[in-house]
Amino acid sequence: MQGNNQHEQRNLWDRTWKDKRGNITLWQMPNAFLIVWAVLTFLSLLVSGRLADIFSWTGSAALIVWALLEIFKGVNYFRRALGLLVLVFAIVSLIKSL
């Protein structure tokens, strides 16, 4: 019976830093969207012109998708807040680049 109530009894500290299994989760292996962002951002620095713009915008789109996934499916409040912070940063960066 206690195992069933354990999920309900998680306090704010646990919800902020731990996943549902009780592991502290600050860093996870990057998923495909984060890898795409990193690779395209790096490539945009190596080329110029229209190709650099395409790499940069596509990388930004991948970062925004990653941030949205973290906001809505993050394993804890920290990961969700990180997603929100990255989303705001990415949108501001895109607006400044226009």
C-alpha atoms as a PDB file:
ATOM      1  CA  MET A   1       0.000   0.000   0.000  1.00  0.00           C
ATOM      2  CA  GLN A   2       2.818   2.414   0.829  1.00  0.00           C
ATOM      3  CA  GLY A   3       4.370   1.915  -2.638  1.00  0.00           C
ATOM      4  CA  ASN A   4       1.177   3.148  -4.287  1.00  0.00           C
ATOM      5  CA  ASN A   5       1.087   6.308  -2.161  1.00  0.00           C
ATOM      6  CA  GLN A   6       4.780   7.057  -2.636  1.00  0.00           C
ATOM      7  CA  HIS A   7       4.134   8.846  -5.942  1.00  0.00           C
ATOM      8  CA  GLU A   8       1.429  11.005  -4.359  1.00  0.00           C
ATOM      9  CA  GLN A   9       3.614  11.890  -1.348  1.00  0.00           C
ATOM     10  CA  ARG A  10       6.491  13.369  -3.335  1.00  0.00           C
ATOM     11  CA  ASN A  11       7.261  16.809  -1.947  1.00  0.00           C
ATOM     12  CA  LEU A  12       8.323  19.896  -3.888  1.00  0.00           C
ATOM     13  CA  TRP A  13      12.030  19.017  -3.509  1.00  0.00           C
ATOM     14  CA  ASP A  14      11.478  15.567  -5.046  1.00  0.00           C
ATOM     15  CA  ARG A  15       9.308  16.932  -7.853  1.00  0.00           C
ATOM     16  CA  THR A  16      11.930  19.552  -8.659  1.00  0.00           C
ATOM     17  CA  TRP A  17      15.041  17.367  -8.717  1.00  0.00           C
ATOM     18  CA  LYS A  18      13.989  13.702  -8.994  1.00  0.00           C
ATOM     19  CA  ASP A  19      12.338  11.582 -11.650  1.00  0.00           C
ATOM     20  CA  LYS A  20       9.460   9.215 -10.887  1.00  0.00           C
ATOM     21  CA  ARG A  21      11.911   6.470  -9.850  1.00  0.00           C
ATOM     22  CA  GLY A  22      13.528   8.730  -7.271  1.00  0.00           C
ATOM     23  CA  ASN A  23      16.731   9.418  -9.212  1.00  0.00           C
ATOM     24  CA  ILE A  24      18.091  12.963  -9.171  1.00  0.00           C
ATOM     25  CA  THR A  25      17.951  14.078 -12.792  1.00  0.00           C
ATOM     26  CA  LEU A  26      19.763  17.219 -13.897  1.00  0.00           C
ATOM     27  CA  TRP A  27      21.461  15.894 -17.009  1.00  0.00           C
ATOM     28  CA  GLN A  28      20.256  13.302 -19.492  1.00  0.00           C
ATOM     29  CA  MET A  29      21.756  11.974 -22.667  1.00  0.00           C
ATOM     30  CA  PRO A  30      20.705  14.455 -25.354  1.00  0.00           C
ATOM     31  CA  ASN A  31      17.909  13.427 -27.640  1.00  0.00           C
ATOM     32  CA  ALA A  32      17.884  13.801 -31.410  1.00  0.00           C
ATOM     33  CA  PHE A  33      16.598  17.385 -31.429  1.00  0.00           C
ATOM     34  CA  LEU A  34      19.358  18.613 -29.153  1.00  0.00           C
ATOM     35  CA  ILE A  35      21.998  16.812 -31.222  1.00  0.00           C
ATOM     36  CA  VAL A  36      20.568  18.297 -34.452  1.00  0.00           C
ATOM     37  CA  TRP A  37      20.693  21.777 -32.890  1.00  0.00           C
ATOM     38  CA  ALA A  38      24.322  21.363 -31.809  1.00  0.00           C
ATOM     39  CA  VAL A  39      25.486  19.980 -35.161  1.00  0.00           C
ATOM     40  CA  LEU A  40      23.654  22.574 -37.250  1.00  0.00           C
ATOM     41  CA  THR A  41      24.800  25.430 -35.039  1.00  0.00           C
ATOM     42  CA  PHE A  42      28.394  24.266 -35.427  1.00  0.00           C
ATOM     43  CA  LEU A  43      27.992  23.883 -39.198  1.00  0.00           C
ATOM     44  CA  SER A  44      26.459  27.358 -39.490  1.00  0.00           C
ATOM     45  CA  LEU A  45      29.689  28.753 -38.065  1.00  0.00           C
ATOM     46  CA  LEU A  46      31.761  27.001 -40.737  1.00  0.00           C
ATOM     47  CA  VAL A  47      29.824  28.181 -43.783  1.00  0.00           C
ATOM     48  CA  SER A  48      28.467  31.513 -44.905  1.00  0.00           C
ATOM     49  CA  GLY A  49      25.588  32.992 -46.832  1.00  0.00           C
ATOM     50  CA  ARG A  50      22.259  31.314 -47.369  1.00  0.00           C
ATOM     51  CA  LEU A  51      23.512  27.897 -46.242  1.00  0.00           C
ATOM     52  CA  ALA A  52      24.569  29.327 -42.877  1.00  0.00           C
ATOM     53  CA  ASP A  53      21.109  30.882 -42.507  1.00  0.00           C
ATOM     54  CA  ILE A  54      19.407  27.572 -43.308  1.00  0.00           C
ATOM     55  CA  PHE A  55      21.566  25.701 -40.794  1.00  0.00           C
ATOM     56  CA  SER A  56      20.966  28.359 -38.158  1.00  0.00           C
ATOM     57  CA  TRP A  57      17.173  28.494 -38.592  1.00  0.00           C
ATOM     58  CA  THR A  58      16.822  24.714 -38.769  1.00  0.00           C
ATOM     59  CA  GLY A  59      18.983  24.350 -35.679  1.00  0.00           C
ATOM     60  CA  SER A  60      16.859  26.914 -33.864  1.00  0.00           C
ATOM     61  CA  ALA A  61      13.705  25.020 -34.821  1.00  0.00           C
ATOM     62  CA  ALA A  62      15.203  21.805 -33.426  1.00  0.00           C
ATOM     63  CA  LEU A  63      16.099  23.612 -30.185  1.00  0.00           C
ATOM     64  CA  ILE A  64      12.553  24.950 -29.874  1.00  0.00           C
ATOM     65  CA  VAL A  65      11.123  21.445 -30.349  1.00  0.00           C
ATOM     66  CA  TRP A  66      13.511  20.137 -27.668  1.00  0.00           C
ATOM     67  CA  ALA A  67      12.459  22.926 -25.301  1.00  0.00           C
ATOM     68  CA  LEU A  68       8.755  22.220 -25.875  1.00  0.00           C
ATOM     69  CA  LEU A  69       9.306  18.519 -25.214  1.00  0.00           C
ATOM     70  CA  GLU A  70      11.068  19.376 -21.951  1.00  0.00           C
ATOM     71  CA  ILE A  71       8.288  21.762 -20.903  1.00  0.00           C
ATOM     72  CA  PHE A  72       5.528  19.227 -21.487  1.00  0.00           C
ATOM     73  CA  LYS A  73       7.308  15.919 -20.856  1.00  0.00           C
ATOM     74  CA  GLY A  74      10.252  16.791 -18.604  1.00  0.00           C
ATOM     75  CA  VAL A  75      10.896  14.262 -15.836  1.00  0.00           C
ATOM     76  CA  ASN A  76      10.916  16.904 -13.090  1.00  0.00           C
ATOM     77  CA  TYR A  77      10.255  20.589 -12.481  1.00  0.00           C
ATOM     78  CA  PHE A  78      13.915  21.479 -13.055  1.00  0.00           C
ATOM     79  CA  ARG A  79      13.874  19.957 -16.544  1.00  0.00           C
ATOM     80  CA  ARG A  80      10.581  21.703 -17.337  1.00  0.00           C
ATOM     81  CA  ALA A  81      11.956  25.051 -16.136  1.00  0.00           C
ATOM     82  CA  LEU A  82      15.087  24.453 -18.211  1.00  0.00           C
ATOM     83  CA  GLY A  83      12.889  23.859 -21.253  1.00  0.00           C
ATOM     84  CA  LEU A  84      11.032  27.119 -20.599  1.00  0.00           C
ATOM     85  CA  LEU A  85      14.272  29.054 -20.174  1.00  0.00           C
ATOM     86  CA  VAL A  86      15.712  27.629 -23.409  1.00  0.00           C
ATOM     87  CA  LEU A  87      12.453  28.323 -25.271  1.00  0.00           C
ATOM     88  CA  VAL A  88      12.496  31.987 -24.211  1.00  0.00           C
ATOM     89  CA  PHE A  89      16.179  32.277 -25.134  1.00  0.00           C
ATOM     90  CA  ALA A  90      15.601  30.656 -28.546  1.00  0.00           C
ATOM     91  CA  ILE A  91      12.633  32.877 -29.383  1.00  0.00           C
ATOM     92  CA  VAL A  92      14.445  36.053 -28.322  1.00  0.00           C
ATOM     93  CA  SER A  93      17.478  34.993 -30.389  1.00  0.00           C
ATOM     94  CA  LEU A  94      15.296  34.365 -33.432  1.00  0.00           C
ATOM     95  CA  ILE A  95      13.556  37.735 -33.076  1.00  0.00           C
ATOM     96  CA  LYS A  96      16.905  39.534 -32.751  1.00  0.00           C
ATOM     97  CA  SER A  97      18.185  37.813 -35.910  1.00  0.00           C
ATOM     98  CA  LEU A  98      15.330  39.152 -38.070  1.00  0.00           C
END
